[in-house]
Amino acid sequence: MPDNKEYIRSEDEFGSISISEEVICSIASAAVGEVKEFTLAGGRGRAVRVTLGDASASVDIAVSVKRGTKIPSAAAELQKAVTQALEAMAGLPTDNVNIHVVGLDPVEEKS
C-alpha cells in the first residue's frame, strides 16, 4: 500500500486483509459511546491512540467522566466494550486497553 499508515494484516486462503490504525481508532471511539458515563476527551483524533503489534493492539483512550460515576467499575465496563468491539469487528485481540480519565463533565442544568 502506498501510504505510510500502520496496518494490522492477516492472510487466509483467499488473500490478505489489511485494517488501518485509523479504523481501529474509529472502532474504539464508537465503543466509548456505548458506555454512558464517558465521553471522549478532545475528540477522536487526540483521545484514542492505538499501538499495533503483529496480531494484536494496545489501546489508550482519554475520556471525561460524568459526575457521580464510580470510575473503577465504569472504566472496567469501557475496557470490556472496547475489547469486544475490536474482536467482533476486526477480529483483533487486545493486549491492553488503558483508560485515562482526564476530565470531569460539568453537571447538567435542570430546566
C-alpha atoms as a PDB file:
ATOM      1  CA  MET A   1       0.000   0.000   0.000  1.00  0.00           C
ATOM      2  CA  PRO A   2       1.411   3.407  -0.923  1.00  0.00           C
ATOM      3  CA  ASP A   3       0.595   5.398   2.225  1.00  0.00           C
ATOM      4  CA  ASN A   4       2.572   5.418   5.471  1.00  0.00           C
ATOM      5  CA  LYS A   5      -0.270   4.261   7.722  1.00  0.00           C
ATOM      6  CA  GLU A   6       0.074   1.383  10.150  1.00  0.00           C
ATOM      7  CA  TYR A   7      -1.995  -1.695   9.337  1.00  0.00           C
ATOM      8  CA  ILE A   8      -2.870  -4.938  11.032  1.00  0.00           C
ATOM      9  CA  ARG A   9      -2.691  -7.683   8.426  1.00  0.00           C
ATOM     10  CA  SER A  10      -3.981 -11.220   8.224  1.00  0.00           C
ATOM     11  CA  GLU A  11      -3.961 -13.778   5.476  1.00  0.00           C
ATOM     12  CA  ASP A  12      -6.226 -16.634   4.570  1.00  0.00           C
ATOM     13  CA  GLU A  13      -6.680 -18.955   1.601  1.00  0.00           C
ATOM     14  CA  PHE A  14      -8.302 -16.142  -0.426  1.00  0.00           C
ATOM     15  CA  GLY A  15      -5.676 -13.449   0.106  1.00  0.00           C
ATOM     16  CA  SER A  16      -4.894 -10.833   2.721  1.00  0.00           C
ATOM     17  CA  ILE A  17      -6.864  -8.387   4.827  1.00  0.00           C
ATOM     18  CA  SER A  18      -5.369  -5.069   5.968  1.00  0.00           C
ATOM     19  CA  ILE A  19      -7.112  -2.886   8.549  1.00  0.00           C
ATOM     20  CA  SER A  20      -5.672   0.580   9.156  1.00  0.00           C
ATOM     21  CA  GLU A  21      -4.856   2.014  12.548  1.00  0.00           C
ATOM     22  CA  GLU A  22      -7.395   4.750  11.776  1.00  0.00           C
ATOM     23  CA  VAL A  23     -10.182   2.168  11.509  1.00  0.00           C
ATOM     24  CA  ILE A  24      -9.112   0.561  14.780  1.00  0.00           C
ATOM     25  CA  CYS A  25      -9.272   4.030  16.412  1.00  0.00           C
ATOM     26  CA  SER A  26     -12.764   4.558  14.994  1.00  0.00           C
ATOM     27  CA  ILE A  27     -13.984   1.241  16.390  1.00  0.00           C
ATOM     28  CA  ALA A  28     -12.562   2.056  19.829  1.00  0.00           C
ATOM     29  CA  SER A  29     -14.096   5.553  19.698  1.00  0.00           C
ATOM     30  CA  ALA A  30     -17.513   4.135  18.877  1.00  0.00           C
ATOM     31  CA  ALA A  31     -17.233   1.775  21.853  1.00  0.00           C
ATOM     32  CA  VAL A  32     -16.779   4.784  24.173  1.00  0.00           C
ATOM     33  CA  GLY A  33     -20.209   5.978  23.030  1.00  0.00           C
ATOM     34  CA  GLU A  34     -21.725   2.730  24.306  1.00  0.00           C
ATOM     35  CA  VAL A  35     -20.738   3.469  27.910  1.00  0.00           C
ATOM     36  CA  LYS A  36     -22.891   6.395  29.034  1.00  0.00           C
ATOM     37  CA  GLU A  37     -20.626   7.517  31.864  1.00  0.00           C
ATOM     38  CA  PHE A  38     -17.827   8.610  29.497  1.00  0.00           C
ATOM     39  CA  THR A  39     -17.182  10.951  26.593  1.00  0.00           C
ATOM     40  CA  LEU A  40     -14.014  11.207  24.531  1.00  0.00           C
ATOM     41  CA  ALA A  41     -11.695  13.955  25.724  1.00  0.00           C
ATOM     42  CA  GLY A  42     -10.585  16.264  22.930  1.00  0.00           C
ATOM     43  CA  GLY A  43     -12.164  14.403  20.007  1.00  0.00           C
ATOM     44  CA  ARG A  44     -11.254  11.088  18.418  1.00  0.00           C
ATOM     45  CA  GLY A  45      -8.008  12.185  16.816  1.00  0.00           C
ATOM     46  CA  ARG A  46      -6.433  13.124  20.133  1.00  0.00           C
ATOM     47  CA  ALA A  47      -8.330  10.902  22.549  1.00  0.00           C
ATOM     48  CA  VAL A  48      -7.586   7.454  21.106  1.00  0.00           C
ATOM     49  CA  ARG A  49      -4.128   6.043  20.484  1.00  0.00           C
ATOM     50  CA  VAL A  50      -3.536   2.570  19.116  1.00  0.00           C
ATOM     51  CA  THR A  51      -0.275   0.675  19.048  1.00  0.00           C
ATOM     52  CA  LEU A  52      -0.429  -2.240  16.652  1.00  0.00           C
ATOM     53  CA  GLY A  53       1.531  -5.420  17.259  1.00  0.00           C
ATOM     54  CA  ASP A  54       1.872  -8.351  14.891  1.00  0.00           C
ATOM     55  CA  ALA A  55      -1.592  -9.688  15.617  1.00  0.00           C
ATOM     56  CA  SER A  56      -2.954  -7.554  18.457  1.00  0.00           C
ATOM     57  CA  ALA A  57      -3.351  -3.987  19.635  1.00  0.00           C
ATOM     58  CA  SER A  58      -2.808  -1.851  22.711  1.00  0.00           C
ATOM     59  CA  VAL A  59      -5.287   0.982  23.084  1.00  0.00           C
ATOM     60  CA  ASP A  60      -5.070   4.189  25.139  1.00  0.00           C
ATOM     61  CA  ILE A  61      -8.245   6.241  25.491  1.00  0.00           C
ATOM     62  CA  ALA A  62      -8.548   9.673  27.139  1.00  0.00           C
ATOM     63  CA  VAL A  63     -12.039  10.296  28.490  1.00  0.00           C
ATOM     64  CA  SER A  64     -14.074  12.659  30.603  1.00  0.00           C
ATOM     65  CA  VAL A  65     -16.371  11.140  33.187  1.00  0.00           C
ATOM     66  CA  LYS A  66     -19.815  12.225  34.338  1.00  0.00           C
ATOM     67  CA  ARG A  67     -20.083  13.426  37.934  1.00  0.00           C
ATOM     68  CA  GLY A  68     -21.171  10.772  40.393  1.00  0.00           C
ATOM     69  CA  THR A  69     -19.728   7.900  38.360  1.00  0.00           C
ATOM     70  CA  LYS A  70     -17.947   5.084  40.156  1.00  0.00           C
ATOM     71  CA  ILE A  71     -14.874   5.339  37.965  1.00  0.00           C
ATOM     72  CA  PRO A  72     -13.247   1.919  38.543  1.00  0.00           C
ATOM     73  CA  SER A  73     -16.356  -0.099  37.650  1.00  0.00           C
ATOM     74  CA  ALA A  74     -17.326   2.165  34.731  1.00  0.00           C
ATOM     75  CA  ALA A  75     -13.758   2.077  33.362  1.00  0.00           C
ATOM     76  CA  ALA A  76     -13.780  -1.733  33.542  1.00  0.00           C
ATOM     77  CA  GLU A  77     -17.040  -1.695  31.563  1.00  0.00           C
ATOM     78  CA  LEU A  78     -15.408   0.578  28.974  1.00  0.00           C
ATOM     79  CA  GLN A  79     -12.365  -1.696  28.705  1.00  0.00           C
ATOM     80  CA  LYS A  80     -14.673  -4.643  28.085  1.00  0.00           C
ATOM     81  CA  ALA A  81     -16.703  -2.717  25.478  1.00  0.00           C
ATOM     82  CA  VAL A  82     -13.563  -1.707  23.540  1.00  0.00           C
ATOM     83  CA  THR A  83     -12.100  -5.223  23.712  1.00  0.00           C
ATOM     84  CA  GLN A  84     -15.342  -6.795  22.487  1.00  0.00           C
ATOM     85  CA  ALA A  85     -15.818  -4.236  19.691  1.00  0.00           C
ATOM     86  CA  LEU A  86     -12.305  -4.745  18.315  1.00  0.00           C
ATOM     87  CA  GLU A  87     -12.647  -8.514  18.454  1.00  0.00           C
ATOM     88  CA  ALA A  88     -16.123  -8.504  16.865  1.00  0.00           C
ATOM     89  CA  MET A  89     -15.475  -6.001  14.078  1.00  0.00           C
ATOM     90  CA  ALA A  90     -11.805  -6.537  13.251  1.00  0.00           C
ATOM     91  CA  GLY A  91     -11.047  -9.944  14.740  1.00  0.00           C
ATOM     92  CA  LEU A  92      -8.328  -8.133  16.667  1.00  0.00           C
ATOM     93  CA  PRO A  93      -7.387  -9.196  20.186  1.00  0.00           C
ATOM     94  CA  THR A  94      -6.150  -6.512  22.558  1.00  0.00           C
ATOM     95  CA  ASP A  95      -3.058  -6.725  24.721  1.00  0.00           C
ATOM     96  CA  ASN A  96      -4.485  -3.989  26.931  1.00  0.00           C
ATOM     97  CA  VAL A  97      -6.993  -1.161  26.960  1.00  0.00           C
ATOM     98  CA  ASN A  98      -5.793   1.733  29.097  1.00  0.00           C
ATOM     99  CA  ILE A  99      -8.382   4.271  30.235  1.00  0.00           C
ATOM    100  CA  HIS A 100      -7.087   7.740  31.109  1.00  0.00           C
ATOM    101  CA  VAL A 101      -9.709   9.812  32.937  1.00  0.00           C
ATOM    102  CA  VAL A 102      -8.577  13.355  32.175  1.00  0.00           C
ATOM    103  CA  GLY A 103     -11.714  15.386  32.789  1.00  0.00           C
ATOM    104  CA  LEU A 104     -14.940  15.690  34.697  1.00  0.00           C
ATOM    105  CA  ASP A 105     -18.061  16.555  32.721  1.00  0.00           C
ATOM    106  CA  PRO A 106     -20.000  19.503  34.158  1.00  0.00           C
ATOM    107  CA  VAL A 107     -23.274  18.928  35.934  1.00  0.00           C
ATOM    108  CA  GLU A 108     -26.224  19.292  33.572  1.00  0.00           C
ATOM    109  CA  GLU A 109     -28.537  22.163  34.438  1.00  0.00           C
ATOM    110  CA  LYS A 110     -32.131  21.144  35.186  1.00  0.00           C
ATOM    111  CA  SER A 111     -34.738  23.276  33.475  1.00  0.00           C
END
